[in-house]
């Protein structure tokens, strides 16, 4: 492992374990086994190194989900969707500092073009994987009135971000995955899609 790789790996691990505010240049250099000067040499500044580590942490968080969605499979049933959501929410508990760093990264991205570009690429990869998963489901349900897969993927991502915020602020009141799945299915039947499509012509 090169010094650059060691710095990025140490930064990512420290962000995951302690969050953004507690990750210092000295701690990174010590953990990576390199000098403080190596940070400036390889990344230009500690801030740029932390931006790169934030992007890498988000990428690693998204990666298992993307790999799972990329596997050909039958469409999930409602009974399977609930536990799947519970599993996703469970990953939050195991990665709380990284979850917080994720939101810190979103704020930092406004002032860091490189971080913004990296995070946008992560989101694009996740949206693409979700879109393909939705397309696979629609193949198995040709009789259904199909939503636009990419728009549906964006909506799912927005919903999960909202759940993350609720989990961070008031986890005790966050509904279970099964209840969320059941409510989503019921909400989908409130307004027939055919009517909305007909009125648009």
Protein backbone atom coordinates (compact mmCIF):
# COMPACT_ATOMS: atom_id res chain seq x y z
CA UNK A 1 0.00 0.00 0.00
CA UNK A 2 1.39 3.40 -0.98
CA UNK A 3 1.49 6.34 1.43
CA UNK A 4 -1.37 7.97 -0.47
CA UNK A 5 -3.50 4.84 -0.19
CA UNK A 6 -2.61 4.50 3.51
CA UNK A 7 -3.71 8.08 4.17
CA UNK A 8 -7.01 7.62 2.37
CA UNK A 9 -7.65 4.31 4.12
CA UNK A 10 -6.87 5.74 7.56
CA UNK A 11 -8.99 8.83 6.94
CA UNK A 12 -11.95 6.74 5.80
CA UNK A 13 -11.66 4.46 8.85
CA UNK A 14 -11.35 7.38 11.28
CA UNK A 15 -14.37 9.10 9.73
CA UNK A 16 -16.35 5.89 10.06
CA UNK A 17 -15.37 5.40 13.68
CA UNK A 18 -15.29 8.95 15.00
CA UNK A 19 -16.94 11.29 12.52
CA UNK A 20 -15.69 14.36 10.70
CA UNK A 21 -15.16 16.77 13.59
CA UNK A 22 -12.87 14.41 15.54
CA UNK A 23 -10.70 13.36 12.61
CA UNK A 24 -7.46 15.36 12.81
CA UNK A 25 -4.42 15.48 10.55
CA UNK A 26 -2.21 14.19 13.36
CA UNK A 27 -4.52 11.22 14.01
CA UNK A 28 -4.63 10.38 10.30
CA UNK A 29 -0.85 10.53 9.87
CA UNK A 30 -0.29 8.45 13.02
CA UNK A 31 -2.77 5.79 11.96
CA UNK A 32 -1.33 5.65 8.45
CA UNK A 33 2.24 5.49 9.75
CA UNK A 34 3.42 8.47 7.70
CA UNK A 35 4.58 12.02 8.43
CA UNK A 36 2.20 15.00 8.63
CA UNK A 37 3.92 16.41 5.57
CA UNK A 38 2.75 13.45 3.51
CA UNK A 39 -0.82 14.76 3.68
CA UNK A 40 0.09 18.00 1.92
CA UNK A 41 2.33 16.18 -0.55
CA UNK A 42 -0.32 13.68 -1.68
CA UNK A 43 -3.57 15.64 -1.23
CA UNK A 44 -2.62 19.32 -1.00
CA UNK A 45 -4.27 19.81 2.40
CA UNK A 46 -5.97 17.94 5.22
CA UNK A 47 -9.31 19.32 4.03
CA UNK A 48 -8.86 17.83 0.57
CA UNK A 49 -7.85 14.51 2.12
CA UNK A 50 -10.99 14.51 4.31
CA UNK A 51 -13.14 15.38 1.29
CA UNK A 52 -11.68 12.40 -0.58
CA UNK A 53 -12.25 10.19 2.48
CA UNK A 54 -15.87 11.35 2.79
CA UNK A 55 -16.50 10.47 -0.84
CA UNK A 56 -14.82 7.08 -0.37
CA UNK A 57 -16.87 6.38 2.76
CA UNK A 58 -20.12 7.14 0.95
CA UNK A 59 -19.03 4.98 -1.99
CA UNK A 60 -18.34 2.04 0.35
CA UNK A 61 -21.68 2.55 2.07
CA UNK A 62 -23.52 2.48 -1.27
CA UNK A 63 -21.46 -0.36 -2.77
CA UNK A 64 -23.22 -3.37 -1.12
CA UNK A 65 -26.61 -1.95 -2.06
CA UNK A 66 -25.51 -1.43 -5.66
CA UNK A 67 -24.09 -4.96 -5.87
CA UNK A 68 -27.31 -6.41 -4.45
CA UNK A 69 -29.47 -4.51 -6.94
CA UNK A 70 -27.24 -5.58 -9.81
CA UNK A 71 -27.98 -9.28 -9.23
CA UNK A 72 -30.79 -10.67 -11.42
CA UNK A 73 -33.70 -11.67 -9.22
CA UNK A 74 -37.44 -12.07 -9.05
CA UNK A 75 -39.41 -8.99 -7.95
CA UNK A 76 -39.67 -8.68 -4.15
CA UNK A 77 -42.96 -9.34 -2.43
CA UNK A 78 -44.37 -7.03 0.23
CA UNK A 79 -43.36 -9.59 2.87
CA UNK A 80 -39.75 -9.40 1.63
CA UNK A 81 -39.66 -5.61 1.27
CA UNK A 82 -40.32 -4.94 4.96
CA UNK A 83 -37.38 -7.01 6.28
CA UNK A 84 -35.20 -5.56 3.53
CA UNK A 85 -35.97 -2.04 4.76
CA UNK A 86 -35.31 -3.16 8.34
CA UNK A 87 -31.94 -4.47 7.18
CA UNK A 88 -31.07 -1.15 5.55
CA UNK A 89 -32.06 0.77 8.68
CA UNK A 90 -29.98 -1.64 10.77
CA UNK A 91 -26.88 -0.65 8.80
CA UNK A 92 -27.36 2.87 10.13
CA UNK A 93 -26.79 1.74 13.71
CA UNK A 94 -23.55 0.02 12.75
CA UNK A 95 -22.31 3.06 10.83
CA UNK A 96 -23.61 6.05 12.79
CA UNK A 97 -20.42 8.18 12.53
CA UNK A 98 -20.31 7.49 8.79
CA UNK A 99 -23.99 8.41 8.45
CA UNK A 100 -23.27 11.72 10.17
CA UNK A 101 -20.20 12.20 7.97
CA UNK A 102 -22.45 11.58 4.96
CA UNK A 103 -24.58 14.60 5.82
CA UNK A 104 -21.47 16.61 6.61
CA UNK A 105 -20.22 15.68 3.15
CA UNK A 106 -23.39 17.04 1.55
CA UNK A 107 -22.76 20.40 3.22
CA UNK A 108 -19.04 20.34 2.39
CA UNK A 109 -19.81 19.58 -1.26
CA UNK A 110 -21.20 23.09 -1.70
CA UNK A 111 -17.64 24.44 -1.20
CA UNK A 112 -15.65 21.58 -2.69
CA UNK A 113 -16.14 20.93 -6.43
CA UNK A 114 -14.11 17.72 -6.24
CA UNK A 115 -16.23 16.33 -3.41
CA UNK A 116 -19.42 17.40 -5.16
CA UNK A 117 -18.34 15.60 -8.33
CA UNK A 118 -17.42 12.44 -6.40
CA UNK A 119 -20.70 12.38 -4.45
CA UNK A 120 -22.69 13.03 -7.63
CA UNK A 121 -20.98 10.00 -9.19
CA UNK A 122 -21.90 7.88 -6.14
CA UNK A 123 -25.52 8.99 -6.36
CA UNK A 124 -25.60 8.35 -10.09
CA UNK A 125 -24.32 4.81 -9.58
CA UNK A 126 -26.95 4.14 -6.91
CA UNK A 127 -29.74 5.68 -9.03
CA UNK A 128 -28.66 3.59 -12.02
CA UNK A 129 -28.67 0.39 -9.95
CA UNK A 130 -32.10 1.20 -8.52
CA UNK A 131 -33.42 2.01 -11.98
CA UNK A 132 -32.26 -1.37 -13.29
CA UNK A 133 -33.83 -3.12 -10.31
CA UNK A 134 -37.15 -1.40 -10.97
CA UNK A 135 -36.93 -2.31 -14.65
CA UNK A 136 -36.45 -5.96 -13.66
CA UNK A 137 -39.59 -5.80 -11.52
CA UNK A 138 -41.60 -4.26 -14.37
CA UNK A 139 -40.52 -7.06 -16.70
CA UNK A 140 -42.24 -9.49 -14.34
CA UNK A 141 -45.35 -7.32 -14.13
CA UNK A 142 -46.23 -6.29 -17.69
CA UNK A 143 -49.86 -5.72 -16.71
CA UNK A 144 -48.94 -2.97 -14.23
CA UNK A 145 -49.18 0.73 -15.08
CA UNK A 146 -45.45 1.40 -15.14
CA UNK A 147 -43.82 4.44 -13.54
CA UNK A 148 -40.74 5.97 -15.08
CA UNK A 149 -38.00 3.76 -13.55
CA UNK A 150 -35.47 6.57 -13.14
CA UNK A 151 -37.99 8.91 -11.49
CA UNK A 152 -39.09 6.06 -9.21
CA UNK A 153 -35.44 5.43 -8.28
CA UNK A 154 -34.97 9.11 -7.38
CA UNK A 155 -38.11 8.99 -5.24
CA UNK A 156 -36.85 5.90 -3.37
CA UNK A 157 -33.51 7.62 -2.70
CA UNK A 158 -35.29 10.72 -1.40
CA UNK A 159 -37.48 8.57 0.86
CA UNK A 160 -34.48 6.78 2.34
CA UNK A 161 -32.66 10.07 2.97
CA UNK A 162 -35.76 11.26 4.84
CA UNK A 163 -35.80 8.09 6.92
CA UNK A 164 -32.12 8.61 7.76
CA UNK A 165 -32.85 12.11 9.06
CA UNK A 166 -35.70 10.79 11.22
CA UNK A 167 -33.46 8.00 12.48
CA UNK A 168 -30.73 10.46 13.48
CA UNK A 169 -33.11 12.78 15.34
CA UNK A 170 -35.74 10.48 16.83
CA UNK A 171 -35.00 6.78 16.17
CA UNK A 172 -37.58 5.53 18.70
CA UNK A 173 -40.42 6.93 16.60
CA UNK A 174 -39.19 5.61 13.28
CA UNK A 175 -41.69 3.02 11.97
CA UNK A 176 -40.55 -0.51 11.18
CA UNK A 177 -39.61 -1.54 7.66
CA UNK A 178 -42.70 -3.76 7.42
CA UNK A 179 -45.01 -0.88 8.37
CA UNK A 180 -43.29 1.43 5.89
CA UNK A 181 -43.66 -1.15 3.11
CA UNK A 182 -47.32 -1.73 3.91
CA UNK A 183 -48.04 2.01 4.00
CA UNK A 184 -46.25 2.58 0.69
CA UNK A 185 -48.40 -0.08 -0.96
CA UNK A 186 -51.59 1.42 0.45
CA UNK A 187 -50.56 4.94 -0.56
CA UNK A 188 -49.98 3.77 -4.12
CA UNK A 189 -53.65 2.78 -4.39
CA UNK A 190 -55.05 6.16 -3.27
CA UNK A 191 -54.92 7.79 -6.71
CA UNK A 192 -55.19 5.59 -9.83
CA UNK A 193 -52.26 6.31 -12.12
CA UNK A 194 -54.51 5.85 -15.18
CA UNK A 195 -56.55 8.91 -14.18
CA UNK A 196 -53.45 11.06 -13.78
CA UNK A 197 -52.14 9.95 -17.18
CA UNK A 198 -55.46 10.56 -18.88
CA UNK A 199 -55.72 14.11 -17.52
CA UNK A 200 -52.29 14.96 -18.88
CA UNK A 201 -53.34 14.38 -22.50
